[in-house]
Amino acid sequence: PEGWQGFAYLLEGEGVFGAQASRAAAGELVLLGPGASLAVQAGPRGARFVLAAGRPHGEEPIWNRGAID
């Protein structure tokens, strides 16, 4: 819905996601843009991923921080 943000996290395999054709492999995350649907093309070995979406809660993400104490 309007105002929501989504992502897909690849557990296994690889795939191409969305209208922007964002490529991702296992262990990578794809940020999704606006839209009412999502097209996914799995790679030759298939793709297993977690898809999540929700309203942003206003916090800045911390990228590549490493281990958390």
Protein backbone atom coordinates (compact mmCIF):
# COMPACT_ATOMS: atom_id res chain seq x y z
CA PRO A 1 0.00 0.00 0.00
CA GLU A 2 0.90 3.67 -0.34
CA GLY A 3 3.61 4.64 2.18
CA TRP A 4 4.81 1.11 2.90
CA GLN A 5 8.35 -0.19 2.33
CA GLY A 6 9.28 -3.75 1.47
CA PHE A 7 12.26 -6.01 1.00
CA ALA A 8 13.17 -9.52 -0.08
CA TYR A 9 16.01 -11.43 1.60
CA LEU A 10 17.45 -14.35 -0.39
CA LEU A 11 17.90 -17.52 1.64
CA GLU A 12 19.00 -19.79 -1.23
CA GLY A 13 19.61 -19.50 -4.97
CA GLU A 14 19.31 -16.29 -6.92
CA GLY A 15 16.68 -14.20 -8.66
CA VAL A 16 15.67 -11.01 -10.40
CA PHE A 17 13.13 -8.85 -8.55
CA GLY A 18 10.67 -6.15 -9.59
CA ALA A 19 10.36 -3.67 -12.42
CA GLN A 20 13.95 -2.51 -11.86
CA ALA A 21 15.23 -6.08 -12.42
CA SER A 22 17.31 -6.01 -9.23
CA ARG A 23 19.49 -9.13 -9.07
CA ALA A 24 20.23 -10.84 -5.78
CA ALA A 25 21.86 -14.05 -4.57
CA ALA A 26 21.76 -15.93 -1.26
CA GLY A 27 22.56 -13.65 1.67
CA GLU A 28 21.60 -10.46 -0.15
CA LEU A 29 18.67 -8.11 0.41
CA VAL A 30 16.62 -6.31 -2.25
CA LEU A 31 14.78 -3.11 -1.30
CA LEU A 32 11.46 -2.86 -3.11
CA GLY A 33 9.89 0.27 -4.55
CA PRO A 34 6.23 1.24 -4.73
CA GLY A 35 3.72 -0.99 -6.46
CA ALA A 36 0.82 -3.36 -5.93
CA SER A 37 2.59 -6.47 -7.22
CA LEU A 38 6.06 -8.00 -7.42
CA ALA A 39 7.48 -10.00 -10.32
CA VAL A 40 10.26 -12.47 -9.45
CA GLN A 41 12.28 -14.57 -11.89
CA ALA A 42 14.19 -17.35 -10.13
CA GLY A 43 17.67 -18.31 -11.28
CA PRO A 44 18.55 -21.74 -12.70
CA ARG A 45 18.82 -23.29 -9.21
CA GLY A 46 15.59 -21.65 -8.01
CA ALA A 47 15.20 -19.08 -5.26
CA ARG A 48 13.99 -19.17 -1.65
CA PHE A 49 13.41 -15.79 -0.08
CA VAL A 50 11.62 -13.98 2.72
CA LEU A 51 9.33 -11.18 1.60
CA ALA A 52 8.42 -8.48 4.13
CA ALA A 53 6.61 -5.15 3.94
CA GLY A 54 5.22 -2.62 6.38
CA ARG A 55 4.94 1.01 7.30
CA PRO A 56 8.30 2.65 8.00
CA HIS A 57 8.73 3.56 11.65
CA GLY A 58 11.15 6.43 11.08
CA GLU A 59 14.44 4.88 12.16
CA GLU A 60 17.58 5.02 10.03
CA PRO A 61 18.91 1.60 8.98
CA ILE A 62 22.46 0.68 9.99
CA TRP A 63 24.21 -1.05 7.11
CA ASN A 64 27.20 -3.41 7.37
CA ARG A 65 27.81 -2.71 11.02
CA GLY A 66 29.21 -6.17 11.72
CA ALA A 67 28.78 -8.10 14.95
CA ILE A 68 26.61 -6.50 17.60
CA ASP A 69 27.94 -6.73 21.14
